[in-house]
Each structure stands twice: as C-alpha cells, then as structure tokens.
C-alpha cells in the first residue's frame, strides 16, 4: 500500500534486494475500510516477479468469496479479519465457527492461514481459534490508510496474545501492522511479535537493506 502504485514491479524488486523475506499486500474494498487498493490480478502479476512470501491481507467485507481466487493468483498466505461479514449469525460461537471454517479452507489450499483484529477488538476473541492459526495479525492502527502512528495500547494486546500462545503451546506467528518503523519495531518485538509489516518507513528509507538488517538484529 505504501509503494508507488505506478511501479509495483519495482517495489517488489526493492523488497527482494533489501533482504526482506515477505511482501505484504493490503487488499481493501472500500467497504470494510474506507479505501480501495487492488485484487487478485496484482497478486498474479507480482507472483512472477518476486520470490518473496506473498502475505495477502484481506480487509474486505466477505473474504470467503475471494479466498480461492487469491490462492489461484499465487498467494502464500491469506489473512482475513475477525470483524468481517462472514455470513454468519451474530452469536459469538457461531461467528467463531465461521472463522474456523475459512481458516481451515485456506490451509486446505496449501496456504498459511491468518486472522486479523482491529484495535478495538480484544485478543480474547482468538482464544478458541489458536489451534487453527498460522498467523495472528494485530492491527496497531485503524486500517485503511498508511502513514499513521502506532497506537501504543495495541502492543499490550501483542503481549497478551504472546502469553496465550505460550500457555496453549502453539507456534503461530504474531504479526503487527501499522506505524512500524525502526523504533516501534523494537517495541513490537519485545512485546512478542515475529512479523513486522513496515510500509511507509520502508519505502521512505534510502538504505532499505540496512534498515532490514537493523530491524532483524
């Protein structure tokens, strides 16, 4: 999302040459979040231009409609939102069942399955879903636009989730997305994050390989 929309291929090359291992793709539909980005065709195009893990983040109303399309396009992992319309009843147990169904479908396609929550959603909603997760994405800003500042309170959610992961004996990754730069990356790692989604700070840095090395150290 933070890349030059007129040169996604060039952005992919920059990511590869920097030493970063993942390419995070923010798919927005203008409904779930107040912005529009792109769909499966861009994933398909970039699949031929990068060896990076294509981490597709669906910020869309009905993710179940597009899981197979993004899988066919070449995604390596698909993350959707707990808060999305999963065409299920509002009862928590029914909603969790729908989330589990989609996580299982993603895994059945050979992809890594992820769930994301926005800042206002407590991590407790993920407790029964931990065995079905490969990745849990904690949004550290309200999704929709890049360049926002990280909400510090969201790192407490990362800590809680890391504790839940340890107590449950699970090995899923914890990802953070929103306001990540060199300073907040350190804080997120201390909180228990394994994956750092960096957009604006990455593309604005002239020494991208140095940035990646410093963040990973």
Protein backbone atom coordinates (compact mmCIF):
# COMPACT_ATOMS: atom_id res chain seq x y z
CA UNK A 1 0.00 0.00 0.00
CA UNK A 2 2.92 2.34 0.68
CA UNK A 3 4.57 1.55 -2.66
CA UNK A 4 4.34 3.56 -5.86
CA UNK A 5 1.10 2.30 -7.44
CA UNK A 6 2.57 3.02 -10.87
CA UNK A 7 5.51 0.69 -10.25
CA UNK A 8 4.57 -2.34 -8.17
CA UNK A 9 7.13 -4.42 -10.03
CA UNK A 10 9.86 -2.01 -9.00
CA UNK A 11 8.62 -2.10 -5.42
CA UNK A 12 8.84 -5.91 -5.43
CA UNK A 13 12.44 -5.69 -6.67
CA UNK A 14 13.27 -3.24 -3.87
CA UNK A 15 11.81 -5.62 -1.30
CA UNK A 16 13.74 -8.59 -2.70
CA UNK A 17 17.04 -6.70 -2.86
CA UNK A 18 16.61 -5.40 0.68
CA UNK A 19 16.75 -8.89 2.14
CA UNK A 20 13.15 -8.78 3.37
CA UNK A 21 11.50 -12.18 3.05
CA UNK A 22 7.83 -11.24 2.84
CA UNK A 23 5.77 -8.92 0.64
CA UNK A 24 2.62 -7.76 2.43
CA UNK A 25 -0.35 -6.92 0.21
CA UNK A 26 -3.21 -4.84 1.61
CA UNK A 27 -6.43 -5.70 -0.23
CA UNK A 28 -9.12 -3.09 0.51
CA UNK A 29 -12.66 -2.97 -0.86
CA UNK A 30 -13.87 0.49 0.16
CA UNK A 31 -16.48 -1.11 2.43
CA UNK A 32 -14.69 -2.84 5.27
CA UNK A 33 -12.20 0.05 5.27
CA UNK A 34 -12.61 3.49 3.65
CA UNK A 35 -10.12 2.91 0.85
CA UNK A 36 -9.62 0.90 -2.36
CA UNK A 37 -6.47 -0.87 -3.48
CA UNK A 38 -6.25 -3.95 -5.72
CA UNK A 39 -7.31 -7.56 -6.21
CA UNK A 40 -6.11 -10.98 -7.43
CA UNK A 41 -4.69 -9.72 -10.77
CA UNK A 42 -1.94 -7.80 -8.98
CA UNK A 43 -1.08 -10.81 -6.84
CA UNK A 44 -0.87 -12.89 -10.02
CA UNK A 45 1.38 -10.32 -11.71
CA UNK A 46 3.76 -9.98 -8.76
CA UNK A 47 3.97 -13.75 -8.28
CA UNK A 48 6.08 -13.87 -11.45
CA UNK A 49 8.31 -11.01 -10.30
CA UNK A 50 9.31 -11.97 -6.77
CA UNK A 51 10.33 -14.99 -4.74
CA UNK A 52 9.09 -13.35 -1.55
CA UNK A 53 6.34 -14.88 0.56
CA UNK A 54 3.17 -13.16 -0.65
CA UNK A 55 1.32 -12.22 2.54
CA UNK A 56 -2.18 -11.24 1.40
CA UNK A 57 -4.18 -9.25 3.95
CA UNK A 58 -7.89 -9.15 3.09
CA UNK A 59 -9.53 -6.03 4.51
CA UNK A 60 -12.79 -6.78 2.76
CA UNK A 61 -16.40 -7.39 3.75
CA UNK A 62 -16.83 -11.00 2.63
CA UNK A 63 -13.40 -12.66 2.47
CA UNK A 64 -14.83 -16.13 1.89
CA UNK A 65 -15.85 -15.11 -1.65
CA UNK A 66 -12.25 -14.50 -2.66
CA UNK A 67 -10.08 -17.00 -0.79
CA UNK A 68 -9.78 -19.38 -3.73
CA UNK A 69 -9.20 -16.54 -6.20
CA UNK A 70 -6.24 -15.22 -4.23
CA UNK A 71 -4.91 -18.74 -3.76
CA UNK A 72 -5.05 -19.33 -7.54
CA UNK A 73 -3.32 -15.98 -8.10
CA UNK A 74 -0.29 -17.14 -6.13
CA UNK A 75 -0.73 -16.02 -2.53
CA UNK A 76 1.40 -17.89 0.02
CA UNK A 77 -0.68 -16.80 2.98
CA UNK A 78 -4.12 -15.25 3.40
CA UNK A 79 -5.20 -13.27 6.44
CA UNK A 80 -8.77 -12.05 6.86
CA UNK A 81 -10.47 -10.03 9.58
CA UNK A 82 -12.34 -11.45 12.52
CA UNK A 83 -14.66 -8.44 12.22
CA UNK A 84 -15.56 -9.11 8.58
CA UNK A 85 -19.04 -10.20 7.48
CA UNK A 86 -18.65 -13.97 7.41
CA UNK A 87 -22.29 -14.50 6.52
CA UNK A 88 -22.82 -15.97 9.96
CA UNK A 89 -25.14 -15.15 12.84
CA UNK A 90 -24.06 -12.61 15.43
CA UNK A 91 -23.75 -15.15 18.24
CA UNK A 92 -20.05 -15.42 19.22
CA UNK A 93 -19.92 -19.21 18.99
CA UNK A 94 -21.45 -19.21 15.51
CA UNK A 95 -19.12 -16.46 14.34
CA UNK A 96 -16.08 -18.36 15.66
CA UNK A 97 -17.28 -21.40 13.76
CA UNK A 98 -17.35 -19.40 10.52
CA UNK A 99 -13.85 -18.07 11.19
CA UNK A 100 -12.59 -21.62 11.82
CA UNK A 101 -14.20 -22.77 8.56
CA UNK A 102 -12.33 -20.18 6.50
CA UNK A 103 -9.03 -20.79 8.29
CA UNK A 104 -9.39 -24.48 7.53
CA UNK A 105 -10.23 -23.74 3.89
CA UNK A 106 -7.11 -21.60 3.50
CA UNK A 107 -4.94 -24.36 4.95
CA UNK A 108 -6.59 -26.95 2.69
CA UNK A 109 -5.35 -24.93 -0.29
CA UNK A 110 -1.79 -25.25 0.97
CA UNK A 111 -1.53 -21.69 2.25
CA UNK A 112 -0.74 -20.21 5.64
CA UNK A 113 -3.95 -19.13 7.38
CA UNK A 114 -4.19 -15.90 9.34
CA UNK A 115 -6.74 -13.87 11.25
CA UNK A 116 -6.53 -10.16 11.99
CA UNK A 117 -8.17 -7.92 14.58
CA UNK A 118 -8.55 -4.14 14.62
CA UNK A 119 -7.50 -2.02 17.64
CA UNK A 120 -10.97 -2.10 19.22
CA UNK A 121 -11.25 -5.91 19.20
CA UNK A 122 -9.88 -7.76 22.25
CA UNK A 123 -7.45 -10.66 21.74
CA UNK A 124 -9.72 -12.86 23.85
CA UNK A 125 -11.89 -13.50 20.75
CA UNK A 126 -9.00 -15.55 19.32
CA UNK A 127 -8.67 -17.96 22.24
CA UNK A 128 -10.66 -20.83 20.71
CA UNK A 129 -9.08 -20.29 17.29
CA UNK A 130 -5.42 -20.66 18.24
CA UNK A 131 -5.05 -24.28 17.02
CA UNK A 132 -6.24 -23.25 13.54
CA UNK A 133 -3.88 -20.29 13.11
CA UNK A 134 -0.59 -19.97 11.30
CA UNK A 135 -0.57 -16.22 11.86
CA UNK A 136 -2.41 -13.69 14.01
CA UNK A 137 -2.22 -10.09 12.82
CA UNK A 138 -2.67 -7.33 15.39
CA UNK A 139 -3.54 -4.04 13.72
CA UNK A 140 -1.68 -1.29 15.56
CA UNK A 141 -3.60 1.45 13.71
CA UNK A 142 -7.16 1.64 12.48
CA UNK A 143 -6.91 0.11 8.99
CA UNK A 144 -7.48 1.98 5.77
CA UNK A 145 -4.60 4.39 5.31
CA UNK A 146 -0.81 4.27 5.54
CA UNK A 147 1.49 6.65 7.38
CA UNK A 148 -0.38 6.51 10.70
CA UNK A 149 1.27 6.43 14.12
CA UNK A 150 1.24 3.20 16.09
CA UNK A 151 -1.33 3.06 18.90
CA UNK A 152 0.80 2.09 21.95
CA UNK A 153 -2.06 0.29 23.69
CA UNK A 154 -2.14 -2.24 20.85
CA UNK A 155 1.25 -3.57 21.94
CA UNK A 156 -0.38 -4.70 25.17
CA UNK A 157 -2.61 -6.88 23.01
CA UNK A 158 0.51 -8.36 21.42
CA UNK A 159 1.84 -9.21 24.88
CA UNK A 160 -1.43 -10.85 25.86
CA UNK A 161 -1.54 -12.87 22.65
CA UNK A 162 2.08 -13.96 23.08
CA UNK A 163 1.21 -15.19 26.56
CA UNK A 164 -1.86 -17.03 25.21
CA UNK A 165 0.34 -18.64 22.56
CA UNK A 166 2.86 -19.83 25.13
CA UNK A 167 0.24 -21.16 27.53
CA UNK A 168 -1.53 -23.01 24.70
CA UNK A 169 1.74 -24.46 23.38
CA UNK A 170 1.05 -23.13 19.90
CA UNK A 171 3.57 -21.97 17.30
CA UNK A 172 1.64 -19.47 15.18
CA UNK A 173 3.30 -16.21 14.20
CA UNK A 174 2.24 -12.86 15.63
CA UNK A 175 2.30 -10.03 13.11
CA UNK A 176 1.91 -6.29 13.73
CA UNK A 177 0.79 -3.81 11.09
CA UNK A 178 0.57 -0.04 11.39
CA UNK A 179 3.09 2.65 12.31
CA UNK A 180 6.05 0.28 12.28
CA UNK A 181 9.44 1.97 11.94
CA UNK A 182 12.87 1.28 13.46
CA UNK A 183 11.78 2.50 16.90
CA UNK A 184 8.38 0.85 17.10
CA UNK A 185 9.78 -2.34 15.56
CA UNK A 186 11.95 -2.81 18.66
CA UNK A 187 8.93 -2.30 20.91
CA UNK A 188 6.81 -4.73 18.89
CA UNK A 189 9.49 -7.42 19.02
CA UNK A 190 9.81 -7.00 22.80
CA UNK A 191 6.04 -7.44 23.06
CA UNK A 192 6.28 -10.79 21.26
CA UNK A 193 5.79 -10.04 17.55
CA UNK A 194 7.51 -12.27 14.98
CA UNK A 195 6.42 -10.47 11.81
CA UNK A 196 6.72 -6.70 11.31
CA UNK A 197 4.75 -5.09 8.50
CA UNK A 198 6.58 -1.90 7.53
CA UNK A 199 5.22 0.25 4.72
CA UNK A 200 5.86 3.99 4.75
CA UNK A 201 9.07 3.77 6.79
CA UNK A 202 10.48 1.12 4.43
CA UNK A 203 9.84 2.89 1.14
CA UNK A 204 10.95 6.26 2.52
CA UNK A 205 14.33 4.87 3.59
CA UNK A 206 17.19 5.18 1.09
CA UNK A 207 19.11 2.33 2.73
CA UNK A 208 16.50 -0.41 2.67
CA UNK A 209 18.90 -3.34 3.11
CA UNK A 210 20.49 -1.60 6.09
CA UNK A 211 17.06 -0.98 7.56
CA UNK A 212 16.08 -4.64 7.23
CA UNK A 213 19.33 -5.80 8.85
CA UNK A 214 18.92 -3.40 11.76
CA UNK A 215 15.31 -4.40 12.36
CA UNK A 216 16.08 -8.12 12.16
CA UNK A 217 19.06 -7.93 14.54
